[in-house]
Amino acid sequence: MAAAAGGSDGEKSGFRWVDAARYAVAAVVTLLIAVVIVKAIKVVLRPEPLQLWVAGGSVSAVAIPPPPTEMVTLGLSIWAQNPSDRVRMYFLNITAYLFDKNTSAAASLDPEFDSMIFFQAKDDIVAVQLEAVESVLQMNAKKTHIPDYFELLYNGGSMSDVTLRLDGNLITEVTSEVNKTRRATYYCEQLLVGGDANDKSVKNKQKAICKQRQGT
């Protein structure tokens, strides 16, 4: 009888071991599924960044004579490319700063003070999946807005190695109800401001690709 009882205990122990192994396998599978889901969410939440560039690598400067007062209209064409085929991207509340070649746009902690001129973009940038869109930034600058360079630009002169800094809110639309928002800054370097649009140096200038620095 004792031998028979021992055999029964052995069978129960074997079943317990099999059950424990099943639970362990199930736990591992569950963990792997969770890891895959987390990685998939990260892929959706962290798509490739929005790409920006300045068409022709230049900023136009058009003199506007009085009345009522002398002005220079500064204008540039910004292109935005959404490389993602999953999400829509928005670049909102954009402030544009122009820095001369003697001032670092990236090192500036007070761009309104350090830049030679700044202005708020009138339009936001909305880029749907795999689409490139164009936005025009424009400002009428008086002499008080850009005192150090107004005469140069008003009289048809030009400035080289200018940096455009764009600060704004970059929003990634994961779903219709879930968005991820973060501060983002783009630097578009070696721009030409002003000059004759018919000049070869202006016509042959390539687009300026903007570098991105993301905030939290």
C-alpha atoms as a PDB file:
ATOM      1  CA  MET A   1       0.000   0.000   0.000  1.00  0.00           C
ATOM      2  CA  ALA A   2       2.877   2.338   0.859  1.00  0.00           C
ATOM      3  CA  ALA A   3       4.431   1.766  -2.554  1.00  0.00           C
ATOM      4  CA  ALA A   4       1.143   2.519  -4.254  1.00  0.00           C
ATOM      5  CA  ALA A   5       0.736   5.734  -2.270  1.00  0.00           C
ATOM      6  CA  GLY A   6       4.255   6.816  -3.195  1.00  0.00           C
ATOM      7  CA  GLY A   7       3.508   6.278  -6.862  1.00  0.00           C
ATOM      8  CA  SER A   8       0.432   8.480  -6.628  1.00  0.00           C
ATOM      9  CA  ASP A   9       2.475  11.250  -5.024  1.00  0.00           C
ATOM     10  CA  GLY A  10       5.017  10.972  -7.824  1.00  0.00           C
ATOM     11  CA  GLU A  11       2.324  11.328 -10.455  1.00  0.00           C
ATOM     12  CA  LYS A  12       0.922  14.415  -8.673  1.00  0.00           C
ATOM     13  CA  SER A  13       4.404  15.920  -8.482  1.00  0.00           C
ATOM     14  CA  GLY A  14       4.842  15.294 -12.188  1.00  0.00           C
ATOM     15  CA  PHE A  15       1.557  17.023 -12.975  1.00  0.00           C
ATOM     16  CA  ARG A  16       2.541  19.955 -10.771  1.00  0.00           C
ATOM     17  CA  TRP A  17       5.824  20.259 -12.647  1.00  0.00           C
ATOM     18  CA  VAL A  18       4.007  20.206 -15.999  1.00  0.00           C
ATOM     19  CA  ASP A  19       1.557  22.865 -14.765  1.00  0.00           C
ATOM     20  CA  ALA A  20       4.418  25.016 -13.510  1.00  0.00           C
ATOM     21  CA  ALA A  21       6.174  24.689 -16.862  1.00  0.00           C
ATOM     22  CA  ARG A  22       2.985  25.686 -18.676  1.00  0.00           C
ATOM     23  CA  TYR A  23       2.575  28.737 -16.461  1.00  0.00           C
ATOM     24  CA  ALA A  24       6.205  29.683 -17.059  1.00  0.00           C
ATOM     25  CA  VAL A  25       5.811  29.359 -20.824  1.00  0.00           C
ATOM     26  CA  ALA A  26       2.577  31.365 -20.721  1.00  0.00           C
ATOM     27  CA  ALA A  27       4.299  34.081 -18.681  1.00  0.00           C
ATOM     28  CA  VAL A  28       7.179  34.262 -21.167  1.00  0.00           C
ATOM     29  CA  VAL A  29       4.781  34.449 -24.119  1.00  0.00           C
ATOM     30  CA  THR A  30       2.766  37.178 -22.379  1.00  0.00           C
ATOM     31  CA  LEU A  31       5.952  39.119 -21.690  1.00  0.00           C
ATOM     32  CA  LEU A  32       7.067  38.820 -25.318  1.00  0.00           C
ATOM     33  CA  ILE A  33       3.670  40.026 -26.528  1.00  0.00           C
ATOM     34  CA  ALA A  34       3.874  42.989 -24.148  1.00  0.00           C
ATOM     35  CA  VAL A  35       7.363  43.868 -25.434  1.00  0.00           C
ATOM     36  CA  VAL A  36       6.165  43.715 -29.045  1.00  0.00           C
ATOM     37  CA  ILE A  37       3.183  45.944 -28.226  1.00  0.00           C
ATOM     38  CA  VAL A  38       5.386  48.480 -26.420  1.00  0.00           C
ATOM     39  CA  LYS A  39       7.806  48.583 -29.356  1.00  0.00           C
ATOM     40  CA  ALA A  40       4.924  49.016 -31.792  1.00  0.00           C
ATOM     41  CA  ILE A  41       3.575  51.915 -29.731  1.00  0.00           C
ATOM     42  CA  LYS A  42       7.025  53.516 -29.675  1.00  0.00           C
ATOM     43  CA  VAL A  43       7.240  53.220 -33.463  1.00  0.00           C
ATOM     44  CA  VAL A  44       3.903  55.000 -33.806  1.00  0.00           C
ATOM     45  CA  LEU A  45       4.718  57.643 -31.199  1.00  0.00           C
ATOM     46  CA  ARG A  46       8.204  58.225 -32.574  1.00  0.00           C
ATOM     47  CA  PRO A  47       7.935  58.380 -36.341  1.00  0.00           C
ATOM     48  CA  GLU A  48      10.595  59.971 -38.475  1.00  0.00           C
ATOM     49  CA  PRO A  49      10.766  63.705 -37.753  1.00  0.00           C
ATOM     50  CA  LEU A  50       9.143  66.374 -39.882  1.00  0.00           C
ATOM     51  CA  GLN A  51      11.646  67.615 -42.464  1.00  0.00           C
ATOM     52  CA  LEU A  52      11.907  71.311 -43.340  1.00  0.00           C
ATOM     53  CA  TRP A  53      13.909  73.224 -45.925  1.00  0.00           C
ATOM     54  CA  VAL A  54      14.080  76.761 -47.317  1.00  0.00           C
ATOM     55  CA  ALA A  55      13.426  76.903 -51.055  1.00  0.00           C
ATOM     56  CA  GLY A  56      16.381  78.335 -52.922  1.00  0.00           C
ATOM     57  CA  GLY A  57      18.269  78.825 -49.658  1.00  0.00           C
ATOM     58  CA  SER A  58      17.312  82.482 -49.687  1.00  0.00           C
ATOM     59  CA  VAL A  59      15.126  85.186 -48.169  1.00  0.00           C
ATOM     60  CA  SER A  60      13.849  87.866 -50.537  1.00  0.00           C
ATOM     61  CA  ALA A  61      13.971  91.533 -49.566  1.00  0.00           C
ATOM     62  CA  VAL A  62      11.721  93.888 -51.531  1.00  0.00           C
ATOM     63  CA  ALA A  63      11.915  97.641 -50.939  1.00  0.00           C
ATOM     64  CA  ILE A  64       8.551  99.366 -50.408  1.00  0.00           C
ATOM     65  CA  PRO A  65       8.817 103.171 -50.820  1.00  0.00           C
ATOM     66  CA  PRO A  66       6.608 105.645 -48.935  1.00  0.00           C
ATOM     67  CA  PRO A  67       3.917 106.589 -48.328  1.00  0.00           C
ATOM     68  CA  PRO A  68       3.423 106.008 -45.519  1.00  0.00           C
ATOM     69  CA  THR A  69       6.993 104.966 -44.716  1.00  0.00           C
ATOM     70  CA  GLU A  70       9.938 103.058 -46.137  1.00  0.00           C
ATOM     71  CA  MET A  71       9.711  99.314 -45.578  1.00  0.00           C
ATOM     72  CA  VAL A  72      11.412  96.105 -46.648  1.00  0.00           C
ATOM     73  CA  THR A  73       9.243  93.052 -47.224  1.00  0.00           C
ATOM     74  CA  LEU A  74      11.116  89.920 -46.179  1.00  0.00           C
ATOM     75  CA  GLY A  75       9.779  86.674 -47.597  1.00  0.00           C
ATOM     76  CA  LEU A  76      10.782  83.030 -47.849  1.00  0.00           C
ATOM     77  CA  SER A  77       9.269  79.732 -48.862  1.00  0.00           C
ATOM     78  CA  ILE A  78       9.391  76.888 -46.330  1.00  0.00           C
ATOM     79  CA  TRP A  79       8.740  73.335 -47.478  1.00  0.00           C
ATOM     80  CA  ALA A  80       7.727  70.614 -45.020  1.00  0.00           C
ATOM     81  CA  GLN A  81       7.945  66.893 -45.781  1.00  0.00           C
ATOM     82  CA  ASN A  82       6.158  64.302 -43.658  1.00  0.00           C
ATOM     83  CA  PRO A  83       8.121  61.052 -44.153  1.00  0.00           C
ATOM     84  CA  SER A  84       5.649  58.946 -42.165  1.00  0.00           C
ATOM     85  CA  ASP A  85       2.924  56.878 -43.791  1.00  0.00           C
ATOM     86  CA  ARG A  86       1.127  56.439 -40.453  1.00  0.00           C
ATOM     87  CA  VAL A  87       0.689  59.820 -38.790  1.00  0.00           C
ATOM     88  CA  ARG A  88      -0.171  63.419 -39.600  1.00  0.00           C
ATOM     89  CA  MET A  89       2.164  66.159 -38.342  1.00  0.00           C
ATOM     90  CA  TYR A  90       1.549  69.757 -37.331  1.00  0.00           C
ATOM     91  CA  PHE A  91       4.078  72.528 -36.666  1.00  0.00           C
ATOM     92  CA  LEU A  92       2.162  75.234 -34.809  1.00  0.00           C
ATOM     93  CA  ASN A  93       2.705  78.630 -33.179  1.00  0.00           C
ATOM     94  CA  ILE A  94       5.871  79.225 -35.183  1.00  0.00           C
ATOM     95  CA  THR A  95       8.193  82.101 -34.357  1.00  0.00           C
ATOM     96  CA  ALA A  96      10.861  82.888 -36.954  1.00  0.00           C
ATOM     97  CA  TYR A  97      14.186  84.525 -36.083  1.00  0.00           C
ATOM     98  CA  LEU A  98      16.920  85.688 -38.451  1.00  0.00           C
ATOM     99  CA  PHE A  99      20.487  85.720 -37.106  1.00  0.00           C
ATOM    100  CA  ASP A 100      23.453  87.333 -38.812  1.00  0.00           C
ATOM    101  CA  LYS A 101      26.671  85.377 -39.279  1.00  0.00           C
ATOM    102  CA  ASN A 102      28.221  86.879 -36.139  1.00  0.00           C
ATOM    103  CA  THR A 103      25.569  85.507 -33.772  1.00  0.00           C
ATOM    104  CA  SER A 104      24.927  81.850 -32.967  1.00  0.00           C
ATOM    105  CA  ALA A 105      21.266  80.940 -33.326  1.00  0.00           C
ATOM    106  CA  ALA A 106      21.763  77.646 -31.493  1.00  0.00           C
ATOM    107  CA  ALA A 107      23.533  79.207 -28.507  1.00  0.00           C
ATOM    108  CA  SER A 108      21.027  82.017 -28.038  1.00  0.00           C
ATOM    109  CA  LEU A 109      18.958  81.853 -24.853  1.00  0.00           C
ATOM    110  CA  ASP A 110      17.103  85.066 -25.749  1.00  0.00           C
ATOM    111  CA  PRO A 111      16.500  84.899 -29.512  1.00  0.00           C
ATOM    112  CA  GLU A 112      14.198  87.935 -29.524  1.00  0.00           C
ATOM    113  CA  PHE A 113      17.096  90.053 -28.286  1.00  0.00           C
ATOM    114  CA  ASP A 114      19.952  88.302 -30.107  1.00  0.00           C
ATOM    115  CA  SER A 115      18.356  87.992 -33.559  1.00  0.00           C
ATOM    116  CA  MET A 116      18.404  90.828 -36.047  1.00  0.00           C
ATOM    117  CA  ILE A 117      14.650  90.461 -36.555  1.00  0.00           C
ATOM    118  CA  PHE A 118      11.862  88.078 -35.522  1.00  0.00           C
ATOM    119  CA  PHE A 119       8.195  87.623 -36.338  1.00  0.00           C
ATOM    120  CA  GLN A 120       5.281  85.281 -35.743  1.00  0.00           C
ATOM    121  CA  ALA A 121       4.270  83.102 -38.674  1.00  0.00           C
ATOM    122  CA  LYS A 122       0.674  83.743 -39.725  1.00  0.00           C
ATOM    123  CA  ASP A 123       0.034  80.168 -40.861  1.00  0.00           C
ATOM    124  CA  ASP A 124       0.684  76.799 -39.258  1.00  0.00           C
ATOM    125  CA  ILE A 125       2.251  73.891 -41.123  1.00  0.00           C
ATOM    126  CA  VAL A 126       0.056  70.818 -41.590  1.00  0.00           C
ATOM    127  CA  ALA A 127       1.638  67.828 -43.333  1.00  0.00           C
ATOM    128  CA  VAL A 128      -0.369  64.681 -43.977  1.00  0.00           C
ATOM    129  CA  GLN A 129       1.235  61.300 -44.515  1.00  0.00           C
ATOM    130  CA  LEU A 130       4.016  61.197 -47.125  1.00  0.00           C
ATOM    131  CA  GLU A 131       3.208  64.699 -48.339  1.00  0.00           C
ATOM    132  CA  ALA A 132       5.299  67.834 -48.893  1.00  0.00           C
ATOM    133  CA  VAL A 133       3.606  71.193 -48.344  1.00  0.00           C
ATOM    134  CA  GLU A 134       4.744  74.772 -48.903  1.00  0.00           C
ATOM    135  CA  SER A 135       4.313  77.667 -46.478  1.00  0.00           C
ATOM    136  CA  VAL A 136       5.243  81.282 -47.129  1.00  0.00           C
ATOM    137  CA  LEU A 137       6.680  83.385 -44.302  1.00  0.00           C
ATOM    138  CA  GLN A 138       6.533  87.115 -44.852  1.00  0.00           C
ATOM    139  CA  MET A 139       6.992  90.317 -42.863  1.00  0.00           C
ATOM    140  CA  ASN A 140       7.012  94.034 -43.610  1.00  0.00           C
ATOM    141  CA  ALA A 141      10.020  95.422 -41.737  1.00  0.00           C
ATOM    142  CA  LYS A 142      10.467  99.079 -40.870  1.00  0.00           C
ATOM    143  CA  LYS A 143      13.793 100.667 -40.056  1.00  0.00           C
ATOM    144  CA  THR A 144      12.980 100.375 -36.356  1.00  0.00           C
ATOM    145  CA  HIS A 145      12.560  96.605 -36.771  1.00  0.00           C
ATOM    146  CA  ILE A 146      15.958  96.025 -38.350  1.00  0.00           C
ATOM    147  CA  PRO A 147      18.030  99.193 -37.802  1.00  0.00           C
ATOM    148  CA  ASP A 148      21.485  97.709 -38.453  1.00  0.00           C
ATOM    149  CA  TYR A 149      20.644  96.229 -41.854  1.00  0.00           C
ATOM    150  CA  PHE A 150      17.668  98.211 -43.146  1.00  0.00           C
ATOM    151  CA  GLU A 151      19.587 100.562 -45.449  1.00  0.00           C
ATOM    152  CA  LEU A 152      21.582  97.685 -46.930  1.00  0.00           C
ATOM    153  CA  LEU A 153      18.499  95.639 -47.777  1.00  0.00           C
ATOM    154  CA  TYR A 154      16.350  98.593 -48.815  1.00  0.00           C
ATOM    155  CA  ASN A 155      18.969  99.641 -51.364  1.00  0.00           C
ATOM    156  CA  GLY A 156      19.212  96.184 -52.922  1.00  0.00           C
ATOM    157  CA  GLY A 157      22.164  94.824 -50.964  1.00  0.00           C
ATOM    158  CA  SER A 158      22.439  91.295 -49.621  1.00  0.00           C
ATOM    159  CA  MET A 159      23.622  89.378 -46.564  1.00  0.00           C
ATOM    160  CA  SER A 160      25.169  85.911 -46.613  1.00  0.00           C
ATOM    161  CA  ASP A 161      25.495  83.153 -44.014  1.00  0.00           C
ATOM    162  CA  VAL A 162      22.263  84.138 -42.280  1.00  0.00           C
ATOM    163  CA  THR A 163      20.556  81.536 -40.064  1.00  0.00           C
ATOM    164  CA  LEU A 164      16.805  81.137 -39.779  1.00  0.00           C
ATOM    165  CA  ARG A 165      15.634  79.719 -36.465  1.00  0.00           C
ATOM    166  CA  LEU A 166      12.083  78.366 -36.198  1.00  0.00           C
ATOM    167  CA  ASP A 167      10.586  77.678 -32.767  1.00  0.00           C
ATOM    168  CA  GLY A 168       7.188  76.013 -32.461  1.00  0.00           C
ATOM    169  CA  ASN A 169       5.059  73.142 -31.206  1.00  0.00           C
ATOM    170  CA  LEU A 170       5.448  69.913 -33.164  1.00  0.00           C
ATOM    171  CA  ILE A 171       2.378  67.706 -32.867  1.00  0.00           C
ATOM    172  CA  THR A 172       2.218  64.101 -34.034  1.00  0.00           C
ATOM    173  CA  GLU A 173      -1.343  62.856 -34.509  1.00  0.00           C
ATOM    174  CA  VAL A 174      -1.217  59.200 -33.450  1.00  0.00           C
ATOM    175  CA  THR A 175      -5.004  58.782 -33.631  1.00  0.00           C
ATOM    176  CA  SER A 176      -7.934  61.165 -33.860  1.00  0.00           C
ATOM    177  CA  GLU A 177      -7.978  61.275 -30.057  1.00  0.00           C
ATOM    178  CA  VAL A 178      -4.303  60.840 -29.112  1.00  0.00           C
ATOM    179  CA  ASN A 179      -1.659  63.427 -29.973  1.00  0.00           C
ATOM    180  CA  LYS A 180       1.938  63.839 -28.886  1.00  0.00           C
ATOM    181  CA  THR A 181       3.135  67.434 -28.519  1.00  0.00           C
ATOM    182  CA  ARG A 182       6.677  68.669 -27.974  1.00  0.00           C
ATOM    183  CA  ARG A 183       8.653  71.853 -28.483  1.00  0.00           C
ATOM    184  CA  ALA A 184      10.878  71.780 -31.529  1.00  0.00           C
ATOM    185  CA  THR A 185      13.464  74.128 -32.993  1.00  0.00           C
ATOM    186  CA  TYR A 186      14.782  74.086 -36.554  1.00  0.00           C
ATOM    187  CA  TYR A 187      17.937  75.816 -37.799  1.00  0.00           C
ATOM    188  CA  CYS A 188      18.193  76.692 -41.486  1.00  0.00           C
ATOM    189  CA  GLU A 189      21.756  77.838 -42.109  1.00  0.00           C
ATOM    190  CA  GLN A 190      23.784  79.661 -44.770  1.00  0.00           C
ATOM    191  CA  LEU A 191      20.838  81.603 -46.156  1.00  0.00           C
ATOM    192  CA  LEU A 192      21.185  84.552 -48.496  1.00  0.00           C
ATOM    193  CA  VAL A 193      19.013  87.544 -47.568  1.00  0.00           C
ATOM    194  CA  GLY A 194      18.237  90.194 -50.183  1.00  0.00           C
ATOM    195  CA  GLY A 195      20.077  90.725 -53.447  1.00  0.00           C
ATOM    196  CA  ASP A 196      18.826  90.669 -57.019  1.00  0.00           C
ATOM    197  CA  ALA A 197      16.486  87.756 -57.751  1.00  0.00           C
ATOM    198  CA  ASN A 198      17.835  87.666 -61.325  1.00  0.00           C
ATOM    199  CA  ASP A 199      21.444  87.334 -60.200  1.00  0.00           C
ATOM    200  CA  LYS A 200      23.032  83.941 -60.931  1.00  0.00           C
ATOM    201  CA  SER A 201      24.259  83.564 -57.353  1.00  0.00           C
ATOM    202  CA  VAL A 202      20.639  83.755 -56.223  1.00  0.00           C
ATOM    203  CA  LYS A 203      19.148  81.668 -59.031  1.00  0.00           C
ATOM    204  CA  ASN A 204      21.681  78.856 -58.644  1.00  0.00           C
ATOM    205  CA  LYS A 205      21.505  78.622 -54.861  1.00  0.00           C
ATOM    206  CA  GLN A 206      20.311  75.246 -53.601  1.00  0.00           C
ATOM    207  CA  LYS A 207      17.647  74.640 -50.989  1.00  0.00           C
ATOM    208  CA  ALA A 208      18.771  74.910 -47.367  1.00  0.00           C
ATOM    209  CA  ILE A 209      17.869  71.836 -45.331  1.00  0.00           C
ATOM    210  CA  CYS A 210      16.935  72.679 -41.749  1.00  0.00           C
ATOM    211  CA  LYS A 211      18.372  70.810 -38.774  1.00  0.00           C
ATOM    212  CA  GLN A 212      16.069  69.924 -35.918  1.00  0.00           C
ATOM    213  CA  ARG A 213      16.519  70.132 -32.178  1.00  0.00           C
ATOM    214  CA  GLN A 214      13.636  68.703 -30.152  1.00  0.00           C
ATOM    215  CA  GLY A 215      12.569  69.834 -26.731  1.00  0.00           C
ATOM    216  CA  THR A 216      10.708  67.988 -24.032  1.00  0.00           C
END
